[in-house]
Amino acid sequence: MSVTGHKIVDIRAYVVGGGGGDYHDQGEEHWIVNQIATPMSIYPEYKKTRTSFGINALKTIVVEVESDNGEVGVGISTGGYPAAWIVMNHLDRFIVKQPVEAVEKMWDQMYRATMYYGRKGVVMNAISAVDLALWDLLGKIRQEPVYAMIGGKVRDEISCYATGPRPDLAKEMGFIGGKMPLVYGPADGEAGLRKNIEQLAAMREKVGDEFMLMWDCWMALDLPYAQKLMEKSNEYGLHWIEECFNPDDYWSYRDLKKRAPNNMMITGGEHEATRYGFKMLLEFTDLDILQPDVGWCGGLTELIKIGNLAESYGKYVIPHGSGVYSYHYVITKTNSPFAEYLVMSPNADKVVPQYYPLLEGEVIPENGKVKLDDRPGFGVTLSKDANLTQVFKDA
């Protein structure tokens, strides 16, 4: 379907709590907010739960863009009220009245205009949410799925690994691997390190030698601890060790990669943004797998650039989480051989939609695999029951 002549007439931003894009916004019974090693684990008062230091403080931002024919695209990220304010008071001027197909121009203007206070974090989350909404809108107008607009499928289905504390259950559910959140960090000393390795050993015993096991270290480690964890984990066939350091500590990533055994990969990039940050990871640290989050790195427009850059270096791109928004990318790329699924059930024992309860039509893995149909855009719509709070432009 031709898109010539269609313009964007409105942009709307909402905030919502209780899961969704801010998947850490869960009750205290949920595994994802219980004790997991974080940069704040060095402080005892912020060690027991991740909500104690405010990991769920920002909430979810939802962006809608509407065209002159009534079609609406939806994008989701974290960032809550700060991101929504930026969308409605700064980014809106680069979106409204633009041709729906001018995605590249809109992205470039949003990025250039916020460079003096943005580049990463909440501002990039806001840009990402707008960008995802633009791609969703364009697909709905063209009556094409997003994957078809960016190159088409290179495989019929996507295999997934599961992130959560129960890789043994993930194996039963058909996933190809399990990534466990690291519980004990440097502040827990040698005793904590032993507990981590005991957990890994017990899980390897349960899942067997062929099932992939990985550590998610969530920026919590220093180089000496990461090296010891890597060496001891290698005895149990760890597939990769992920995001060990402060995202800006490229030097520790470089040194850990140099010391890694050939059969273990060093991965990261979940909290990195734009092609420039990932170019630094590729050129300076030589990470094996880049893990951009399409809701944080700059949206699909920027993820495509990051992926093409990684491909030229012979590296894999396995996006962080992002559900259906990343699946449409992964299924088009030969250097994205599988995808991540965040197990969002409280006890990691069921496969549920990542963005629940925000989206209708959200595809989820079945027997560890995702199949995308030909529904236009990302194939989802906002739930009528979503408890959204609209953020308006300042007077």
Protein backbone atom coordinates (compact mmCIF):
# COMPACT_ATOMS: atom_id res chain seq x y z
CA MET A 1 0.00 0.00 0.00
CA SER A 2 1.32 3.44 -0.89
CA VAL A 3 2.20 5.71 2.00
CA THR A 4 2.79 8.79 -0.15
CA GLY A 5 0.95 11.80 1.20
CA HIS A 6 0.17 10.45 4.68
CA LYS A 7 1.31 12.69 7.51
CA ILE A 8 1.55 12.27 11.26
CA VAL A 9 -1.09 14.36 12.99
CA ASP A 10 -0.56 13.56 16.67
CA ILE A 11 1.84 12.09 19.21
CA ARG A 12 0.78 10.99 22.68
CA ALA A 13 2.80 9.83 25.68
CA TYR A 14 1.59 7.84 28.67
CA VAL A 15 3.02 6.44 31.89
CA VAL A 16 1.96 3.19 33.50
CA GLY A 17 3.17 1.14 36.47
CA GLY A 18 2.98 -2.53 37.34
CA GLY A 19 5.13 -4.18 34.69
CA GLY A 20 5.15 -3.57 30.97
CA GLY A 21 8.26 -1.85 29.59
CA ASP A 22 9.60 -1.37 33.11
CA TYR A 23 9.56 -5.10 33.73
CA HIS A 24 11.24 -4.64 37.14
CA ASP A 25 8.09 -2.97 38.44
CA GLN A 26 6.84 -6.13 40.12
CA GLY A 27 5.66 -7.26 43.54
CA GLU A 28 8.21 -8.37 46.13
CA GLU A 29 7.38 -12.03 45.49
CA HIS A 30 8.80 -11.83 41.94
CA TRP A 31 12.21 -13.38 41.29
CA ILE A 32 13.35 -10.37 39.26
CA VAL A 33 13.34 -8.00 42.23
CA ASN A 34 14.71 -10.37 44.88
CA GLN A 35 18.38 -10.48 45.87
CA ILE A 36 20.46 -10.25 42.71
CA ALA A 37 23.93 -8.75 42.45
CA THR A 38 23.78 -5.10 41.34
CA PRO A 39 26.06 -2.05 41.48
CA MET A 40 24.25 -1.19 44.74
CA SER A 41 24.98 -4.54 46.42
CA ILE A 42 28.05 -3.05 48.13
CA TYR A 43 25.61 -1.22 50.42
CA PRO A 44 23.90 -3.65 52.87
CA GLU A 45 20.70 -1.61 53.03
CA TYR A 46 20.20 -1.97 49.26
CA LYS A 47 21.27 -5.59 48.86
CA LYS A 48 18.24 -7.73 49.67
CA THR A 49 15.91 -6.46 46.94
CA ARG A 50 16.39 -4.48 43.78
CA THR A 51 13.32 -2.40 44.49
CA SER A 52 15.02 -1.08 47.64
CA PHE A 53 17.27 1.18 45.56
CA GLY A 54 14.48 2.10 43.14
CA ILE A 55 15.02 -0.13 40.13
CA ASN A 56 11.29 0.25 39.44
CA ALA A 57 11.13 4.00 40.12
CA LEU A 58 10.81 5.24 36.55
CA LYS A 59 7.86 3.11 35.34
CA THR A 60 6.89 2.48 31.71
CA ILE A 61 6.50 5.02 28.92
CA VAL A 62 4.05 4.28 26.11
CA VAL A 63 4.11 6.39 22.95
CA GLU A 64 1.41 6.54 20.30
CA VAL A 65 1.79 8.23 16.92
CA GLU A 66 -1.27 8.77 14.77
CA SER A 67 -1.48 9.40 11.02
CA ASP A 68 -4.05 11.40 9.09
CA ASN A 69 -5.88 8.21 8.10
CA GLY A 70 -6.45 7.20 11.73
CA GLU A 71 -3.77 4.48 12.01
CA VAL A 72 -1.91 4.41 15.32
CA GLY A 73 1.58 3.06 16.05
CA VAL A 74 2.69 2.04 19.54
CA GLY A 75 6.16 2.05 21.12
CA ILE A 76 7.17 1.11 24.67
CA SER A 77 10.22 1.69 26.85
CA THR A 78 11.22 2.65 30.37
CA GLY A 79 11.59 6.23 31.44
CA GLY A 80 8.20 7.11 32.89
CA TYR A 81 7.36 10.74 33.52
CA PRO A 82 10.78 12.21 32.62
CA ALA A 83 10.79 10.44 29.24
CA ALA A 84 7.14 11.27 28.57
CA TRP A 85 7.81 14.95 29.34
CA ILE A 86 10.70 14.96 26.86
CA VAL A 87 8.49 13.39 24.18
CA MET A 88 5.68 15.91 24.63
CA ASN A 89 7.78 19.05 25.17
CA HIS A 90 10.76 18.49 22.89
CA LEU A 91 10.55 15.52 20.52
CA ASP A 92 6.99 16.18 19.37
CA ARG A 93 8.08 19.04 17.07
CA PHE A 94 10.14 16.59 14.98
CA ILE A 95 7.22 14.16 14.54
CA VAL A 96 3.94 15.97 14.02
CA LYS A 97 3.26 17.00 10.38
CA GLN A 98 6.07 14.76 9.08
CA PRO A 99 5.49 12.16 6.34
CA VAL A 100 4.99 8.77 7.95
CA GLU A 101 7.85 7.25 5.93
CA ALA A 102 10.43 9.85 7.08
CA VAL A 103 11.63 7.62 9.92
CA GLU A 104 15.34 8.21 9.34
CA LYS A 105 14.94 12.00 9.23
CA MET A 106 12.81 12.04 12.39
CA TRP A 107 15.33 9.89 14.26
CA ASP A 108 18.25 12.05 13.18
CA GLN A 109 16.53 15.26 14.22
CA MET A 110 15.51 13.85 17.62
CA TYR A 111 19.07 12.70 18.27
CA ARG A 112 20.82 15.87 17.10
CA ALA A 113 18.43 18.11 19.02
CA THR A 114 18.93 16.27 22.33
CA MET A 115 22.66 15.62 22.00
CA TYR A 116 23.56 18.38 24.45
CA TYR A 117 21.65 16.68 27.28
CA GLY A 118 20.98 13.17 26.02
CA ARG A 119 22.96 10.53 24.11
CA LYS A 120 22.12 7.74 26.58
CA GLY A 121 19.71 6.89 29.36
CA VAL A 122 16.23 8.40 29.71
CA VAL A 123 16.51 10.61 26.62
CA MET A 124 17.51 7.68 24.43
CA ASN A 125 14.70 5.61 25.95
CA ALA A 126 12.26 8.34 24.90
CA ILE A 127 13.68 8.45 21.36
CA SER A 128 13.53 4.65 21.20
CA ALA A 129 9.85 4.56 22.20
CA VAL A 130 8.99 7.14 19.55
CA ASP A 131 11.01 5.28 16.92
CA LEU A 132 9.30 1.96 17.66
CA ALA A 133 5.91 3.67 17.40
CA LEU A 134 6.92 5.14 14.02
CA TRP A 135 7.92 1.74 12.63
CA ASP A 136 4.69 0.23 13.97
CA LEU A 137 2.67 2.99 12.30
CA LEU A 138 4.50 2.63 8.99
CA GLY A 139 3.88 -1.11 8.94
CA LYS A 140 0.19 -0.67 9.70
CA ILE A 141 -0.21 1.85 6.89
CA ARG A 142 1.67 -0.35 4.45
CA GLN A 143 -0.14 -3.44 5.75
CA GLU A 144 3.23 -5.13 6.21
CA PRO A 145 4.94 -6.61 9.25
CA VAL A 146 8.03 -4.71 10.35
CA TYR A 147 10.31 -7.64 9.53
CA ALA A 148 9.18 -7.48 5.91
CA MET A 149 10.06 -3.79 5.68
CA ILE A 150 13.62 -4.29 6.96
CA GLY A 151 14.70 -7.23 4.83
CA GLY A 152 12.40 -10.17 5.41
CA LYS A 153 12.85 -13.44 7.27
CA VAL A 154 16.08 -15.41 7.08
CA ARG A 155 14.48 -18.25 9.08
CA ASP A 156 10.94 -19.47 9.70
CA GLU A 157 11.15 -19.30 13.49
CA ILE A 158 13.40 -18.01 16.25
CA SER A 159 14.91 -20.22 18.93
CA CYS A 160 15.08 -18.57 22.35
CA TYR A 161 17.02 -18.89 25.55
CA ALA A 162 15.35 -17.98 28.84
CA THR A 163 16.56 -15.52 31.46
CA GLY A 164 15.55 -16.42 34.99
CA PRO A 165 16.59 -18.37 38.09
CA ARG A 166 15.36 -21.77 36.85
CA PRO A 167 17.16 -22.96 33.72
CA ASP A 168 16.00 -26.48 34.57
CA LEU A 169 12.39 -25.41 34.09
CA ALA A 170 13.38 -23.46 30.97
CA LYS A 171 14.78 -26.65 29.47
CA GLU A 172 11.49 -28.43 30.16
CA MET A 173 9.68 -25.57 28.40
CA GLY A 174 11.76 -26.06 25.24
CA PHE A 175 14.32 -23.25 25.50
CA ILE A 176 17.84 -23.75 24.17
CA GLY A 177 19.57 -22.27 27.23
CA GLY A 178 19.17 -20.52 30.53
CA LYS A 179 20.77 -17.32 31.81
CA MET A 180 20.82 -17.04 35.57
CA PRO A 181 20.94 -13.80 37.55
CA LEU A 182 24.10 -13.74 39.65
CA VAL A 183 23.12 -13.52 43.33
CA TYR A 184 26.42 -12.79 45.07
CA GLY A 185 28.91 -10.11 44.10
CA PRO A 186 32.29 -8.80 45.32
CA ALA A 187 30.89 -7.55 48.64
CA ASP A 188 30.03 -11.17 49.52
CA GLY A 189 33.65 -12.26 49.29
CA GLU A 190 34.89 -15.78 48.72
CA ALA A 191 31.89 -17.28 50.50
CA GLY A 192 29.55 -15.62 48.04
CA LEU A 193 31.68 -16.73 45.12
CA ARG A 194 31.46 -20.32 46.33
CA LYS A 195 27.67 -20.05 46.57
CA ASN A 196 27.49 -18.82 42.99
CA ILE A 197 29.57 -21.73 41.76
CA GLU A 198 27.55 -24.19 43.82
CA GLN A 199 24.39 -22.89 42.14
CA LEU A 200 25.97 -23.27 38.72
CA ALA A 201 27.21 -26.78 39.50
CA ALA A 202 23.79 -27.86 40.74
CA MET A 203 22.10 -26.44 37.67
CA ARG A 204 24.58 -28.08 35.30
CA GLU A 205 23.78 -31.38 36.97
CA LYS A 206 20.07 -30.83 36.34
CA VAL A 207 20.21 -29.68 32.71
CA GLY A 208 23.06 -31.80 31.36
CA ASP A 209 26.12 -30.82 29.35
CA GLU A 210 24.49 -29.73 26.09
CA PHE A 211 22.17 -27.07 27.49
CA MET A 212 23.57 -23.52 27.43
CA LEU A 213 24.10 -21.88 30.82
CA MET A 214 25.08 -18.24 31.26
CA TRP A 215 25.59 -15.68 34.04
CA ASP A 216 23.84 -12.30 34.02
CA CYS A 217 26.06 -10.10 36.20
CA TRP A 218 24.14 -6.82 35.74
CA MET A 219 27.03 -4.35 36.09
CA ALA A 220 27.83 -5.64 39.60
CA LEU A 221 31.44 -6.86 39.39
CA ASP A 222 34.99 -5.60 39.43
CA LEU A 223 37.71 -7.12 37.28
CA PRO A 224 39.37 -9.36 39.94
CA TYR A 225 36.02 -10.87 40.95
CA ALA A 226 34.85 -11.30 37.36
CA GLN A 227 38.05 -13.11 36.47
CA LYS A 228 37.68 -15.55 39.38
CA LEU A 229 34.03 -16.13 38.55
CA MET A 230 34.91 -16.74 34.91
CA GLU A 231 37.69 -19.21 35.72
CA LYS A 232 35.63 -21.23 38.21
CA SER A 233 32.54 -21.19 36.00
CA ASN A 234 34.53 -22.57 33.09
CA GLU A 235 34.74 -25.88 34.91
CA TYR A 236 30.98 -26.22 34.39
CA GLY A 237 30.86 -25.28 30.72
CA LEU A 238 29.50 -21.75 31.11
CA HIS A 239 28.51 -20.47 27.66
CA TRP A 240 29.00 -16.78 28.40
CA ILE A 241 29.39 -14.26 31.18
CA GLU A 242 27.34 -11.11 30.66
CA GLU A 243 27.57 -7.42 31.54
CA CYS A 244 30.06 -7.75 34.37
CA PHE A 245 31.02 -4.08 34.68
CA ASN A 246 29.92 -0.48 34.71
CA PRO A 247 28.89 0.07 31.06
CA ASP A 248 31.45 2.86 30.75
CA ASP A 249 34.32 0.70 32.02
CA TYR A 250 35.49 -0.43 28.59
CA TRP A 251 38.94 -1.19 30.01
CA SER A 252 37.69 -3.98 32.29
CA TYR A 253 35.69 -5.52 29.45
CA ARG A 254 38.80 -5.41 27.28
CA ASP A 255 40.95 -7.08 29.92
CA LEU A 256 38.39 -9.76 30.80
CA LYS A 257 37.97 -10.64 27.13
CA LYS A 258 41.74 -11.00 26.73
CA ARG A 259 41.84 -13.44 29.65
CA ALA A 260 38.77 -15.48 28.69
CA PRO A 261 39.08 -19.14 27.70
CA ASN A 262 38.32 -19.85 24.06
CA ASN A 263 35.15 -21.75 24.89
CA MET A 264 33.54 -18.92 26.90
CA MET A 265 32.13 -15.73 25.43
CA ILE A 266 32.18 -12.27 27.00
CA THR A 267 29.02 -10.31 26.30
CA GLY A 268 27.49 -6.94 27.07
CA GLY A 269 25.86 -3.79 25.76
CA GLU A 270 22.43 -4.00 27.38
CA HIS A 271 22.93 -0.52 28.86
CA GLU A 272 24.90 0.89 25.93
CA ALA A 273 23.33 3.20 23.36
CA THR A 274 23.69 4.25 19.71
CA ARG A 275 26.10 3.05 17.06
CA TYR A 276 28.86 5.11 18.65
CA GLY A 277 28.74 3.28 21.98
CA PHE A 278 28.68 -0.07 20.24
CA LYS A 279 31.50 0.91 17.93
CA MET A 280 33.56 1.45 21.10
CA LEU A 281 32.63 -2.03 22.33
CA LEU A 282 33.56 -3.57 19.00
CA GLU A 283 36.85 -1.75 18.43
CA PHE A 284 38.17 -1.53 21.98
CA THR A 285 36.76 -4.48 23.93
CA ASP A 286 36.25 -7.15 21.22
CA LEU A 287 33.11 -8.52 22.93
CA ASP A 288 31.79 -11.71 21.40
CA ILE A 289 28.09 -10.82 21.51
CA LEU A 290 26.47 -7.38 21.53
CA GLN A 291 23.19 -7.15 23.44
CA PRO A 292 21.48 -3.84 22.63
CA ASP A 293 17.98 -3.29 23.97
CA VAL A 294 15.83 -1.92 21.15
CA GLY A 295 13.88 0.14 23.68
CA TRP A 296 17.03 1.77 25.07
CA CYS A 297 19.71 1.86 22.35
CA GLY A 298 17.85 4.19 19.98
CA GLY A 299 14.99 2.09 18.67
CA LEU A 300 14.84 -0.11 15.60
CA THR A 301 16.37 2.57 13.37
CA GLU A 302 19.55 2.55 15.44
CA LEU A 303 19.52 -1.19 16.15
CA ILE A 304 19.77 -1.84 12.42
CA LYS A 305 22.90 0.32 12.25
CA ILE A 306 24.39 -1.37 15.31
CA GLY A 307 23.70 -4.79 13.84
CA ASN A 308 25.25 -3.96 10.49
CA LEU A 309 28.35 -2.65 12.25
CA ALA A 310 28.60 -5.82 14.35
CA GLU A 311 28.20 -7.99 11.26
CA SER A 312 31.20 -6.30 9.65
CA TYR A 313 33.22 -7.32 12.71
CA GLY A 314 31.95 -10.90 12.59
CA LYS A 315 30.05 -10.55 15.87
CA TYR A 316 26.65 -11.75 17.01
CA VAL A 317 23.83 -9.41 18.00
CA ILE A 318 21.44 -10.98 20.51
CA PRO A 319 19.19 -8.12 21.66
CA HIS A 320 18.36 -7.77 25.31
CA GLY A 321 14.76 -8.71 26.08
CA SER A 322 12.39 -6.37 24.24
CA GLY A 323 9.94 -9.12 23.28
CA VAL A 324 8.15 -8.65 19.98
CA TYR A 325 10.04 -5.43 19.22
CA SER A 326 13.33 -7.32 18.99
CA TYR A 327 11.90 -10.48 17.43
CA HIS A 328 11.09 -8.57 14.24
CA TYR A 329 14.76 -7.62 14.00
CA VAL A 330 16.25 -11.00 14.95
CA ILE A 331 14.28 -12.92 12.36
CA THR A 332 15.87 -10.81 9.58
CA LYS A 333 19.54 -11.25 10.56
CA THR A 334 21.87 -14.18 10.08
CA ASN A 335 24.19 -12.85 12.82
CA SER A 336 21.30 -12.95 15.30
CA PRO A 337 20.91 -16.73 15.52
CA PHE A 338 18.54 -16.76 18.52
CA ALA A 339 16.74 -14.41 20.92
CA GLU A 340 16.34 -13.76 24.62
CA TYR A 341 13.09 -14.37 26.47
CA LEU A 342 12.75 -12.81 29.91
CA VAL A 343 10.75 -15.21 32.07
CA MET A 344 8.24 -12.82 33.60
CA SER A 345 6.23 -15.26 35.70
CA PRO A 346 7.00 -14.66 39.42
CA ASN A 347 8.48 -18.14 39.98
CA ALA A 348 9.98 -18.49 36.48
CA ASP A 349 7.76 -21.50 35.83
CA LYS A 350 5.45 -20.21 33.09
CA VAL A 351 5.79 -18.48 29.72
CA VAL A 352 3.88 -15.21 29.86
CA PRO A 353 3.94 -12.05 27.68
CA GLN A 354 6.85 -9.76 28.53
CA TYR A 355 4.80 -6.56 28.31
CA TYR A 356 1.75 -7.90 30.16
CA PRO A 357 -0.73 -6.31 30.68
CA LEU A 358 -0.06 -3.56 28.12
CA LEU A 359 -0.30 -5.26 24.74
CA GLU A 360 -2.84 -7.37 22.92
CA GLY A 361 -1.58 -9.85 20.36
CA GLU A 362 1.92 -10.13 21.86
CA VAL A 363 3.67 -13.21 20.52
CA ILE A 364 5.38 -15.48 23.08
CA PRO A 365 7.62 -18.53 22.65
CA GLU A 366 5.97 -21.91 22.25
CA ASN A 367 8.24 -24.82 23.08
CA GLY A 368 11.07 -22.28 23.22
CA LYS A 369 10.46 -20.90 19.72
CA VAL A 370 8.84 -17.76 18.33
CA LYS A 371 6.92 -17.63 15.06
CA LEU A 372 5.94 -14.29 13.57
CA ASP A 373 2.85 -14.03 11.39
CA ASP A 374 2.05 -11.38 8.79
CA ARG A 375 0.10 -8.97 10.98
CA PRO A 376 1.10 -5.40 10.08
CA GLY A 377 3.58 -3.39 12.12
CA PHE A 378 4.76 -5.23 15.21
CA GLY A 379 1.43 -7.08 15.28
CA VAL A 380 0.29 -5.63 18.60
CA THR A 381 -2.17 -3.05 19.90
CA LEU A 382 -2.57 -1.35 23.25
CA SER A 383 -4.79 -3.25 25.66
CA LYS A 384 -8.11 -1.61 26.37
CA ASP A 385 -7.55 -2.44 30.04
CA ALA A 386 -4.14 -0.72 30.27
CA ASN A 387 -4.25 1.78 33.14
CA LEU A 388 -2.46 4.59 31.31
CA THR A 389 -1.85 8.11 32.61
CA GLN A 390 -1.48 10.58 29.76
CA VAL A 391 1.25 13.21 29.96
CA PHE A 392 0.37 16.46 28.22
CA LYS A 393 2.46 19.25 26.76
CA ASP A 394 3.22 22.04 29.20
CA ALA A 395 1.13 25.13 28.68
